[in-house]
Amino acid sequence: MALQFECKNAAIICNFNFKSGNLILLRNTAIEKALNRKMCPQYFGPMVIVLQNWGGTYIICDLDGTLAHMPITAFRIVPYFACENIDLPNLKQHIDVLVT
């Protein structure tokens, strides 16, 4: 059944292995049950991946360096393709994050 599901949904299932410093968009899952979701933003971002926890969640921050208040699961993240390349500093030097 699992193999059949993977074959049927091969175009939908994507496993993005984001590295530290990649730009991403964060899906707004709070609006999924709202009645006025048509006019609400579907994605937030762009944001920056700081690191990936061993459980598969990501620690992200805004472009100004503000960390998200909790780790983000992988299904809420999609890659952001920028028109121009932005050189980012070493994020682990500047942000004190405890990896669990």
PDB file of N, CA and C in Angstrom:
ATOM      1  N   MET A   1       0.818  -1.184   0.000  1.00  0.00           N
ATOM      2  CA  MET A   1       0.000   0.000   0.000  1.00  0.00           C
ATOM      3  C   MET A   1       0.870   1.260   0.000  1.00  0.00           C
ATOM      4  N   ALA A   2       1.964   1.224   0.761  1.00  0.00           N
ATOM      5  CA  ALA A   2       2.844   2.395   0.820  1.00  0.00           C
ATOM      6  C   ALA A   2       3.507   2.650  -0.525  1.00  0.00           C
ATOM      7  N   LEU A   3       3.952   1.603  -1.200  1.00  0.00           N
ATOM      8  CA  LEU A   3       4.563   1.767  -2.516  1.00  0.00           C
ATOM      9  C   LEU A   3       3.546   2.270  -3.537  1.00  0.00           C
ATOM     10  N   GLN A   4       2.320   1.774  -3.450  1.00  0.00           N
ATOM     11  CA  GLN A   4       1.276   2.225  -4.351  1.00  0.00           C
ATOM     12  C   GLN A   4       0.967   3.706  -4.122  1.00  0.00           C
ATOM     13  N   PHE A   5       0.940   4.123  -2.858  1.00  0.00           N
ATOM     14  CA  PHE A   5       0.705   5.525  -2.532  1.00  0.00           C
ATOM     15  C   PHE A   5       1.821   6.407  -3.073  1.00  0.00           C
ATOM     16  N   GLU A   6       3.075   5.966  -2.913  1.00  0.00           N
ATOM     17  CA  GLU A   6       4.210   6.741  -3.409  1.00  0.00           C
ATOM     18  C   GLU A   6       4.205   6.851  -4.929  1.00  0.00           C
ATOM     19  N   CYS A   7       3.838   5.770  -5.626  1.00  0.00           N
ATOM     20  CA  CYS A   7       3.784   5.820  -7.088  1.00  0.00           C
ATOM     21  C   CYS A   7       2.655   6.731  -7.563  1.00  0.00           C
ATOM     22  N   LYS A   8       1.516   6.663  -6.887  1.00  0.00           N
ATOM     23  CA  LYS A   8       0.364   7.472  -7.281  1.00  0.00           C
ATOM     24  C   LYS A   8       0.621   8.959  -7.046  1.00  0.00           C
ATOM     25  N   ASN A   9       1.339   9.290  -5.991  1.00  0.00           N
ATOM     26  CA  ASN A   9       1.582  10.681  -5.617  1.00  0.00           C
ATOM     27  C   ASN A   9       3.034  11.100  -5.817  1.00  0.00           C
ATOM     28  N   ALA A  10       3.702  10.528  -6.794  1.00  0.00           N
ATOM     29  CA  ALA A  10       5.125  10.830  -7.012  1.00  0.00           C
ATOM     30  C   ALA A  10       5.344  12.290  -7.385  1.00  0.00           C
ATOM     31  N   ALA A  11       4.404  12.898  -8.088  1.00  0.00           N
ATOM     32  CA  ALA A  11       4.562  14.296  -8.482  1.00  0.00           C
ATOM     33  C   ALA A  11       4.258  15.250  -7.334  1.00  0.00           C
ATOM     34  N   ILE A  12       3.589  14.779  -6.315  1.00  0.00           N
ATOM     35  CA  ILE A  12       3.180  15.626  -5.197  1.00  0.00           C
ATOM     36  C   ILE A  12       4.160  15.538  -4.038  1.00  0.00           C
ATOM     37  N   ILE A  13       4.664  14.358  -3.762  1.00  0.00           N
ATOM     38  CA  ILE A  13       5.545  14.144  -2.619  1.00  0.00           C
ATOM     39  C   ILE A  13       6.945  14.628  -2.963  1.00  0.00           C
ATOM     40  N   CYS A  14       7.414  15.649  -2.235  1.00  0.00           N
ATOM     41  CA  CYS A  14       8.753  16.192  -2.447  1.00  0.00           C
ATOM     42  C   CYS A  14       9.485  16.211  -1.116  1.00  0.00           C
ATOM     43  N   ASN A  15      10.682  15.720  -1.105  1.00  0.00           N
ATOM     44  CA  ASN A  15      11.507  15.746   0.093  1.00  0.00           C
ATOM     45  C   ASN A  15      12.637  16.742  -0.144  1.00  0.00           C
ATOM     46  N   PHE A  16      12.407  17.984   0.260  1.00  0.00           N
ATOM     47  CA  PHE A  16      13.432  19.000   0.117  1.00  0.00           C
ATOM     48  C   PHE A  16      14.378  18.886   1.300  1.00  0.00           C
ATOM     49  N   ASN A  17      15.633  18.732   1.024  1.00  0.00           N
ATOM     50  CA  ASN A  17      16.642  18.717   2.075  1.00  0.00           C
ATOM     51  C   ASN A  17      17.271  20.098   2.126  1.00  0.00           C
ATOM     52  N   PHE A  18      16.680  20.963   2.927  1.00  0.00           N
ATOM     53  CA  PHE A  18      17.158  22.337   3.018  1.00  0.00           C
ATOM     54  C   PHE A  18      18.436  22.394   3.829  1.00  0.00           C
ATOM     55  N   LYS A  19      19.351  23.186   3.373  1.00  0.00           N
ATOM     56  CA  LYS A  19      20.609  23.424   4.074  1.00  0.00           C
ATOM     57  C   LYS A  19      20.519  24.742   4.824  1.00  0.00           C
ATOM     58  N   SER A  20      21.425  24.963   5.725  1.00  0.00           N
ATOM     59  CA  SER A  20      21.478  26.209   6.471  1.00  0.00           C
ATOM     60  C   SER A  20      21.747  27.361   5.514  1.00  0.00           C
ATOM     61  N   GLY A  21      20.907  28.389   5.580  1.00  0.00           N
ATOM     62  CA  GLY A  21      21.050  29.554   4.726  1.00  0.00           C
ATOM     63  C   GLY A  21      20.123  29.572   3.533  1.00  0.00           C
ATOM     64  N   ASN A  22      19.376  28.482   3.287  1.00  0.00           N
ATOM     65  CA  ASN A  22      18.436  28.466   2.169  1.00  0.00           C
ATOM     66  C   ASN A  22      17.247  29.379   2.461  1.00  0.00           C
ATOM     67  N   LEU A  23      16.748  30.024   1.420  1.00  0.00           N
ATOM     68  CA  LEU A  23      15.555  30.856   1.539  1.00  0.00           C
ATOM     69  C   LEU A  23      14.317  29.997   1.302  1.00  0.00           C
ATOM     70  N   ILE A  24      13.296  30.200   2.152  1.00  0.00           N
ATOM     71  CA  ILE A  24      12.084  29.390   2.081  1.00  0.00           C
ATOM     72  C   ILE A  24      10.851  30.268   2.250  1.00  0.00           C
ATOM     73  N   LEU A  25       9.695  29.703   1.913  1.00  0.00           N
ATOM     74  CA  LEU A  25       8.405  30.284   2.225  1.00  0.00           C
ATOM     75  C   LEU A  25       7.705  29.368   3.216  1.00  0.00           C
ATOM     76  N   LEU A  26       6.999  29.950   4.175  1.00  0.00           N
ATOM     77  CA  LEU A  26       6.320  29.206   5.226  1.00  0.00           C
ATOM     78  C   LEU A  26       4.824  29.222   4.958  1.00  0.00           C
ATOM     79  N   ARG A  27       4.214  28.030   4.837  1.00  0.00           N
ATOM     80  CA  ARG A  27       2.788  27.936   4.558  1.00  0.00           C
ATOM     81  C   ARG A  27       1.976  28.357   5.767  1.00  0.00           C
ATOM     82  N   ASN A  28       0.956  29.167   5.546  1.00  0.00           N
ATOM     83  CA  ASN A  28       0.087  29.670   6.603  1.00  0.00           C
ATOM     84  C   ASN A  28      -1.029  28.656   6.831  1.00  0.00           C
ATOM     85  N   THR A  29      -0.839  27.740   7.782  1.00  0.00           N
ATOM     86  CA  THR A  29      -1.837  26.706   8.031  1.00  0.00           C
ATOM     87  C   THR A  29      -2.953  27.178   8.953  1.00  0.00           C
ATOM     88  N   ALA A  30      -2.819  28.353   9.537  1.00  0.00           N
ATOM     89  CA  ALA A  30      -3.855  28.857  10.446  1.00  0.00           C
ATOM     90  C   ALA A  30      -5.119  29.254   9.695  1.00  0.00           C
ATOM     91  N   ILE A  31      -5.029  29.488   8.402  1.00  0.00           N
ATOM     92  CA  ILE A  31      -6.198  29.955   7.649  1.00  0.00           C
ATOM     93  C   ILE A  31      -6.970  28.820   6.982  1.00  0.00           C
ATOM     94  N   GLU A  32      -6.537  27.584   7.127  1.00  0.00           N
ATOM     95  CA  GLU A  32      -7.156  26.490   6.387  1.00  0.00           C
ATOM     96  C   GLU A  32      -8.623  26.278   6.752  1.00  0.00           C
ATOM     97  N   LYS A  33      -9.014  26.565   7.977  1.00  0.00           N
ATOM     98  CA  LYS A  33     -10.397  26.372   8.393  1.00  0.00           C
ATOM     99  C   LYS A  33     -11.175  27.681   8.479  1.00  0.00           C
ATOM    100  N   ALA A  34     -10.538  28.774   8.097  1.00  0.00           N
ATOM    101  CA  ALA A  34     -11.198  30.079   8.154  1.00  0.00           C
ATOM    102  C   ALA A  34     -12.131  30.245   6.951  1.00  0.00           C
ATOM    103  N   LEU A  35     -13.176  30.991   7.145  1.00  0.00           N
ATOM    104  CA  LEU A  35     -14.135  31.216   6.069  1.00  0.00           C
ATOM    105  C   LEU A  35     -13.647  32.270   5.076  1.00  0.00           C
ATOM    106  N   ASN A  36     -12.785  33.165   5.517  1.00  0.00           N
ATOM    107  CA  ASN A  36     -12.296  34.225   4.630  1.00  0.00           C
ATOM    108  C   ASN A  36     -10.863  33.962   4.167  1.00  0.00           C
ATOM    109  N   ARG A  37     -10.503  32.717   3.935  1.00  0.00           N
ATOM    110  CA  ARG A  37      -9.128  32.374   3.591  1.00  0.00           C
ATOM    111  C   ARG A  37      -8.711  32.833   2.201  1.00  0.00           C
ATOM    112  N   LYS A  38      -9.676  33.178   1.356  1.00  0.00           N
ATOM    113  CA  LYS A  38      -9.336  33.583  -0.006  1.00  0.00           C
ATOM    114  C   LYS A  38      -8.507  34.861  -0.029  1.00  0.00           C
ATOM    115  N   MET A  39      -8.750  35.753   0.909  1.00  0.00           N
ATOM    116  CA  MET A  39      -8.048  37.036   0.934  1.00  0.00           C
ATOM    117  C   MET A  39      -6.848  37.045   1.890  1.00  0.00           C
ATOM    118  N   CYS A  40      -6.595  35.970   2.591  1.00  0.00           N
ATOM    119  CA  CYS A  40      -5.474  35.889   3.541  1.00  0.00           C
ATOM    120  C   CYS A  40      -4.209  35.426   2.813  1.00  0.00           C
ATOM    121  N   PRO A  41      -3.049  35.802   3.330  1.00  0.00           N
ATOM    122  CA  PRO A  41      -1.808  35.341   2.697  1.00  0.00           C
ATOM    123  C   PRO A  41      -1.639  33.829   2.873  1.00  0.00           C
ATOM    124  N   GLN A  42      -1.309  33.150   1.791  1.00  0.00           N
ATOM    125  CA  GLN A  42      -1.130  31.698   1.820  1.00  0.00           C
ATOM    126  C   GLN A  42       0.247  31.308   2.357  1.00  0.00           C
ATOM    127  N   TYR A  43       1.234  32.153   2.131  1.00  0.00           N
ATOM    128  CA  TYR A  43       2.607  31.883   2.552  1.00  0.00           C
ATOM    129  C   TYR A  43       3.200  33.119   3.204  1.00  0.00           C
ATOM    130  N   PHE A  44       4.103  32.884   4.168  1.00  0.00           N
ATOM    131  CA  PHE A  44       4.872  33.949   4.789  1.00  0.00           C
ATOM    132  C   PHE A  44       6.307  33.822   4.305  1.00  0.00           C
ATOM    133  N   GLY A  45       6.975  34.935   4.159  1.00  0.00           N
ATOM    134  CA  GLY A  45       8.376  34.835   3.817  1.00  0.00           C
ATOM    135  C   GLY A  45       8.796  35.898   2.849  1.00  0.00           C
ATOM    136  N   PRO A  46       9.992  35.834   2.358  1.00  0.00           N
ATOM    137  CA  PRO A  46      10.939  34.740   2.508  1.00  0.00           C
ATOM    138  C   PRO A  46      11.582  34.708   3.897  1.00  0.00           C
ATOM    139  N   MET A  47      11.975  33.526   4.297  1.00  0.00           N
ATOM    140  CA  MET A  47      12.658  33.312   5.567  1.00  0.00           C
ATOM    141  C   MET A  47      13.918  32.499   5.299  1.00  0.00           C
ATOM    142  N   VAL A  48      14.749  32.365   6.320  1.00  0.00           N
ATOM    143  CA  VAL A  48      16.043  31.703   6.173  1.00  0.00           C
ATOM    144  C   VAL A  48      16.085  30.484   7.090  1.00  0.00           C
ATOM    145  N   ILE A  49      16.580  29.367   6.566  1.00  0.00           N
ATOM    146  CA  ILE A  49      16.794  28.165   7.376  1.00  0.00           C
ATOM    147  C   ILE A  49      18.051  28.375   8.211  1.00  0.00           C
ATOM    148  N   VAL A  50      17.928  28.200   9.530  1.00  0.00           N
ATOM    149  CA  VAL A  50      19.089  28.293  10.408  1.00  0.00           C
ATOM    150  C   VAL A  50      19.737  26.916  10.520  1.00  0.00           C
ATOM    151  N   LEU A  51      18.948  25.921  10.892  1.00  0.00           N
ATOM    152  CA  LEU A  51      19.439  24.548  10.963  1.00  0.00           C
ATOM    153  C   LEU A  51      18.275  23.587  11.032  1.00  0.00           C
ATOM    154  N   GLN A  52      18.586  22.295  10.861  1.00  0.00           N
ATOM    155  CA  GLN A  52      17.578  21.249  10.929  1.00  0.00           C
ATOM    156  C   GLN A  52      17.831  20.405  12.160  1.00  0.00           C
ATOM    157  N   ASN A  53      16.777  20.179  12.952  1.00  0.00           N
ATOM    158  CA  ASN A  53      16.883  19.313  14.126  1.00  0.00           C
ATOM    159  C   ASN A  53      16.936  17.863  13.690  1.00  0.00           C
ATOM    160  N   TRP A  54      17.309  16.995  14.613  1.00  0.00           N
ATOM    161  CA  TRP A  54      17.422  15.576  14.271  1.00  0.00           C
ATOM    162  C   TRP A  54      16.063  14.960  14.004  1.00  0.00           C
ATOM    163  N   GLY A  55      14.983  15.548  14.473  1.00  0.00           N
ATOM    164  CA  GLY A  55      13.645  15.020  14.238  1.00  0.00           C
ATOM    165  C   GLY A  55      13.065  15.420  12.899  1.00  0.00           C
ATOM    166  N   GLY A  56      13.740  16.270  12.156  1.00  0.00           N
ATOM    167  CA  GLY A  56      13.266  16.690  10.851  1.00  0.00           C
ATOM    168  C   GLY A  56      12.638  18.070  10.849  1.00  0.00           C
ATOM    169  N   THR A  57      12.516  18.701  12.006  1.00  0.00           N
ATOM    170  CA  THR A  57      11.973  20.049  12.041  1.00  0.00           C
ATOM    171  C   THR A  57      13.084  21.053  11.754  1.00  0.00           C
ATOM    172  N   TYR A  58      12.677  22.238  11.334  1.00  0.00           N
ATOM    173  CA  TYR A  58      13.632  23.282  10.967  1.00  0.00           C
ATOM    174  C   TYR A  58      13.500  24.467  11.903  1.00  0.00           C
ATOM    175  N   ILE A  59      14.616  25.057  12.237  1.00  0.00           N
ATOM    176  CA  ILE A  59      14.641  26.322  12.965  1.00  0.00           C
ATOM    177  C   ILE A  59      14.878  27.390  11.917  1.00  0.00           C
ATOM    178  N   ILE A  60      13.962  28.367  11.865  1.00  0.00           N
ATOM    179  CA  ILE A  60      14.017  29.386  10.819  1.00  0.00           C
ATOM    180  C   ILE A  60      14.082  30.769  11.454  1.00  0.00           C
ATOM    181  N   CYS A  61      14.465  31.734  10.649  1.00  0.00           N
ATOM    182  CA  CYS A  61      14.473  33.124  11.098  1.00  0.00           C
ATOM    183  C   CYS A  61      14.052  34.025   9.945  1.00  0.00           C
ATOM    184  N   ASP A  62      13.607  35.231  10.302  1.00  0.00           N
ATOM    185  CA  ASP A  62      13.280  36.239   9.295  1.00  0.00           C
ATOM    186  C   ASP A  62      14.567  36.763   8.685  1.00  0.00           C
ATOM    187  N   LEU A  63      14.430  37.572   7.647  1.00  0.00           N
ATOM    188  CA  LEU A  63      15.616  38.139   7.008  1.00  0.00           C
ATOM    189  C   LEU A  63      16.346  39.123   7.904  1.00  0.00           C
ATOM    190  N   ASP A  64      15.654  39.663   8.918  1.00  0.00           N
ATOM    191  CA  ASP A  64      16.324  40.571   9.844  1.00  0.00           C
ATOM    192  C   ASP A  64      16.996  39.834  10.999  1.00  0.00           C
ATOM    193  N   GLY A  65      16.889  38.494  11.054  1.00  0.00           N
ATOM    194  CA  GLY A  65      17.566  37.701  12.068  1.00  0.00           C
ATOM    195  C   GLY A  65      16.697  37.291  13.238  1.00  0.00           C
ATOM    196  N   THR A  66      15.426  37.648  13.238  1.00  0.00           N
ATOM    197  CA  THR A  66      14.522  37.279  14.321  1.00  0.00           C
ATOM    198  C   THR A  66      14.145  35.818  14.190  1.00  0.00           C
ATOM    199  N   LEU A  67      14.427  35.028  15.231  1.00  0.00           N
ATOM    200  CA  LEU A  67      14.118  33.598  15.207  1.00  0.00           C
ATOM    201  C   LEU A  67      12.623  33.357  15.362  1.00  0.00           C
ATOM    202  N   ALA A  68      12.141  32.303  14.740  1.00  0.00           N
ATOM    203  CA  ALA A  68      10.763  31.871  14.942  1.00  0.00           C
ATOM    204  C   ALA A  68      10.637  31.318  16.356  1.00  0.00           C
ATOM    205  N   HIS A  69       9.454  31.421  16.939  1.00  0.00           N
ATOM    206  CA  HIS A  69       9.285  31.050  18.340  1.00  0.00           C
ATOM    207  C   HIS A  69       9.263  29.544  18.573  1.00  0.00           C
ATOM    208  N   MET A  70       9.111  28.745  17.521  1.00  0.00           N
ATOM    209  CA  MET A  70       9.142  27.288  17.667  1.00  0.00           C
ATOM    210  C   MET A  70       9.653  26.653  16.377  1.00  0.00           C
ATOM    211  N   PRO A  71      10.146  25.417  16.447  1.00  0.00           N
ATOM    212  CA  PRO A  71      10.595  24.743  15.222  1.00  0.00           C
ATOM    213  C   PRO A  71       9.425  24.520  14.261  1.00  0.00           C
ATOM    214  N   ILE A  72       9.727  24.475  12.976  1.00  0.00           N
ATOM    215  CA  ILE A  72       8.722  24.357  11.930  1.00  0.00           C
ATOM    216  C   ILE A  72       8.859  22.989  11.261  1.00  0.00           C
ATOM    217  N   THR A  73       7.728  22.306  11.058  1.00  0.00           N
ATOM    218  CA  THR A  73       7.755  20.998  10.415  1.00  0.00           C
ATOM    219  C   THR A  73       8.024  21.147   8.919  1.00  0.00           C
ATOM    220  N   ALA A  74       8.513  20.072   8.323  1.00  0.00           N
ATOM    221  CA  ALA A  74       8.965  20.123   6.933  1.00  0.00           C
ATOM    222  C   ALA A  74       7.821  20.293   5.948  1.00  0.00           C
ATOM    223  N   PHE A  75       6.612  19.837   6.266  1.00  0.00           N
ATOM    224  CA  PHE A  75       5.525  19.938   5.296  1.00  0.00           C
ATOM    225  C   PHE A  75       5.020  21.367   5.120  1.00  0.00           C
ATOM    226  N   ARG A  76       5.383  22.281   6.011  1.00  0.00           N
ATOM    227  CA  ARG A  76       4.959  23.675   5.900  1.00  0.00           C
ATOM    228  C   ARG A  76       5.944  24.538   5.117  1.00  0.00           C
ATOM    229  N   ILE A  77       7.050  23.962   4.671  1.00  0.00           N
ATOM    230  CA  ILE A  77       8.119  24.740   4.048  1.00  0.00           C
ATOM    231  C   ILE A  77       8.229  24.394   2.569  1.00  0.00           C
ATOM    232  N   VAL A  78       8.308  25.430   1.742  1.00  0.00           N
ATOM    233  CA  VAL A  78       8.569  25.269   0.309  1.00  0.00           C
ATOM    234  C   VAL A  78       9.754  26.171  -0.051  1.00  0.00           C
ATOM    235  N   PRO A  79      10.522  25.804  -1.064  1.00  0.00           N
ATOM    236  CA  PRO A  79      11.684  26.628  -1.416  1.00  0.00           C
ATOM    237  C   PRO A  79      11.266  27.963  -2.018  1.00  0.00           C
ATOM    238  N   TYR A  80      12.077  28.962  -1.769  1.00  0.00           N
ATOM    239  CA  TYR A  80      11.880  30.293  -2.339  1.00  0.00           C
ATOM    240  C   TYR A  80      12.982  30.518  -3.357  1.00  0.00           C
ATOM    241  N   PHE A  81      12.594  30.838  -4.564  1.00  0.00           N
ATOM    242  CA  PHE A  81      13.564  31.072  -5.629  1.00  0.00           C
ATOM    243  C   PHE A  81      13.689  32.567  -5.844  1.00  0.00           C
ATOM    244  N   ALA A  82      14.785  33.130  -5.390  1.00  0.00           N
ATOM    245  CA  ALA A  82      15.011  34.569  -5.489  1.00  0.00           C
ATOM    246  C   ALA A  82      15.502  34.939  -6.875  1.00  0.00           C
ATOM    247  N   CYS A  83      15.202  36.157  -7.278  1.00  0.00           N
ATOM    248  CA  CYS A  83      15.685  36.660  -8.566  1.00  0.00           C
ATOM    249  C   CYS A  83      17.181  36.938  -8.516  1.00  0.00           C
ATOM    250  N   GLU A  84      17.660  37.346  -7.348  1.00  0.00           N
ATOM    251  CA  GLU A  84      19.076  37.641  -7.177  1.00  0.00           C
ATOM    252  C   GLU A  84      19.622  36.825  -6.013  1.00  0.00           C
ATOM    253  N   ASN A  85      20.910  36.565  -6.031  1.00  0.00           N
ATOM    254  CA  ASN A  85      21.564  35.808  -4.977  1.00  0.00           C
ATOM    255  C   ASN A  85      21.960  36.750  -3.841  1.00  0.00           C
ATOM    256  N   ILE A  86      21.676  36.347  -2.614  1.00  0.00           N
ATOM    257  CA  ILE A  86      22.027  37.138  -1.438  1.00  0.00           C
ATOM    258  C   ILE A  86      23.105  36.386  -0.675  1.00  0.00           C
ATOM    259  N   ASP A  87      24.226  37.032  -0.415  1.00  0.00           N
ATOM    260  CA  ASP A  87      25.284  36.408   0.374  1.00  0.00           C
ATOM    261  C   ASP A  87      24.945  36.550   1.848  1.00  0.00           C
ATOM    262  N   LEU A  88      24.834  35.412   2.546  1.00  0.00           N
ATOM    263  CA  LEU A  88      24.493  35.407   3.962  1.00  0.00           C
ATOM    264  C   LEU A  88      25.729  35.094   4.791  1.00  0.00           C
ATOM    265  N   PRO A  89      25.848  35.702   5.971  1.00  0.00           N
ATOM    266  CA  PRO A  89      26.974  35.373   6.845  1.00  0.00           C
ATOM    267  C   PRO A  89      26.765  34.000   7.467  1.00  0.00           C
ATOM    268  N   ASN A  90      27.764  33.531   8.177  1.00  0.00           N
ATOM    269  CA  ASN A  90      27.652  32.263   8.884  1.00  0.00           C
ATOM    270  C   ASN A  90      26.626  32.431  10.002  1.00  0.00           C
ATOM    271  N   LEU A  91      25.460  31.812   9.857  1.00  0.00           N
ATOM    272  CA  LEU A  91      24.359  32.022  10.780  1.00  0.00           C
ATOM    273  C   LEU A  91      24.607  31.390  12.146  1.00  0.00           C
ATOM    274  N   LYS A  92      25.363  30.323  12.203  1.00  0.00           N
ATOM    275  CA  LYS A  92      25.624  29.662  13.484  1.00  0.00           C
ATOM    276  C   LYS A  92      26.486  30.538  14.395  1.00  0.00           C
ATOM    277  N   GLN A  93      27.285  31.431  13.832  1.00  0.00           N
ATOM    278  CA  GLN A  93      28.092  32.348  14.624  1.00  0.00           C
ATOM    279  C   GLN A  93      27.233  33.402  15.295  1.00  0.00           C
ATOM    280  N   HIS A  94      26.216  33.874  14.599  1.00  0.00           N
ATOM    281  CA  HIS A  94      25.444  35.013  15.052  1.00  0.00           C
ATOM    282  C   HIS A  94      24.209  34.657  15.877  1.00  0.00           C
ATOM    283  N   ILE A  95      23.731  33.430  15.758  1.00  0.00           N
ATOM    284  CA  ILE A  95      22.506  33.041  16.443  1.00  0.00           C
ATOM    285  C   ILE A  95      22.828  31.918  17.403  1.00  0.00           C
ATOM    286  N   ASP A  96      22.451  32.096  18.656  1.00  0.00           N
ATOM    287  CA  ASP A  96      22.694  31.093  19.680  1.00  0.00           C
ATOM    288  C   ASP A  96      21.455  30.209  19.795  1.00  0.00           C
ATOM    289  N   VAL A  97      21.512  29.015  19.167  1.00  0.00           N
ATOM    290  CA  VAL A  97      20.388  28.100  19.156  1.00  0.00           C
ATOM    291  C   VAL A  97      20.861  26.767  19.711  1.00  0.00           C
ATOM    292  N   LEU A  98      20.090  26.212  20.640  1.00  0.00           N
ATOM    293  CA  LEU A  98      20.394  24.925  21.222  1.00  0.00           C
ATOM    294  C   LEU A  98      19.752  23.837  20.356  1.00  0.00           C
ATOM    295  N   VAL A  99      20.543  22.937  19.800  1.00  0.00           N
ATOM    296  CA  VAL A  99      20.037  21.861  18.954  1.00  0.00           C
ATOM    297  C   VAL A  99      19.708  20.665  19.846  1.00  0.00           C
ATOM    298  N   THR A 100      18.467  20.195  19.727  1.00  0.00           N
ATOM    299  CA  THR A 100      18.056  19.026  20.510  1.00  0.00           C
ATOM    300  C   THR A 100      17.791  17.847  19.645  1.00  0.00           C
TER     301      THR A 100
END
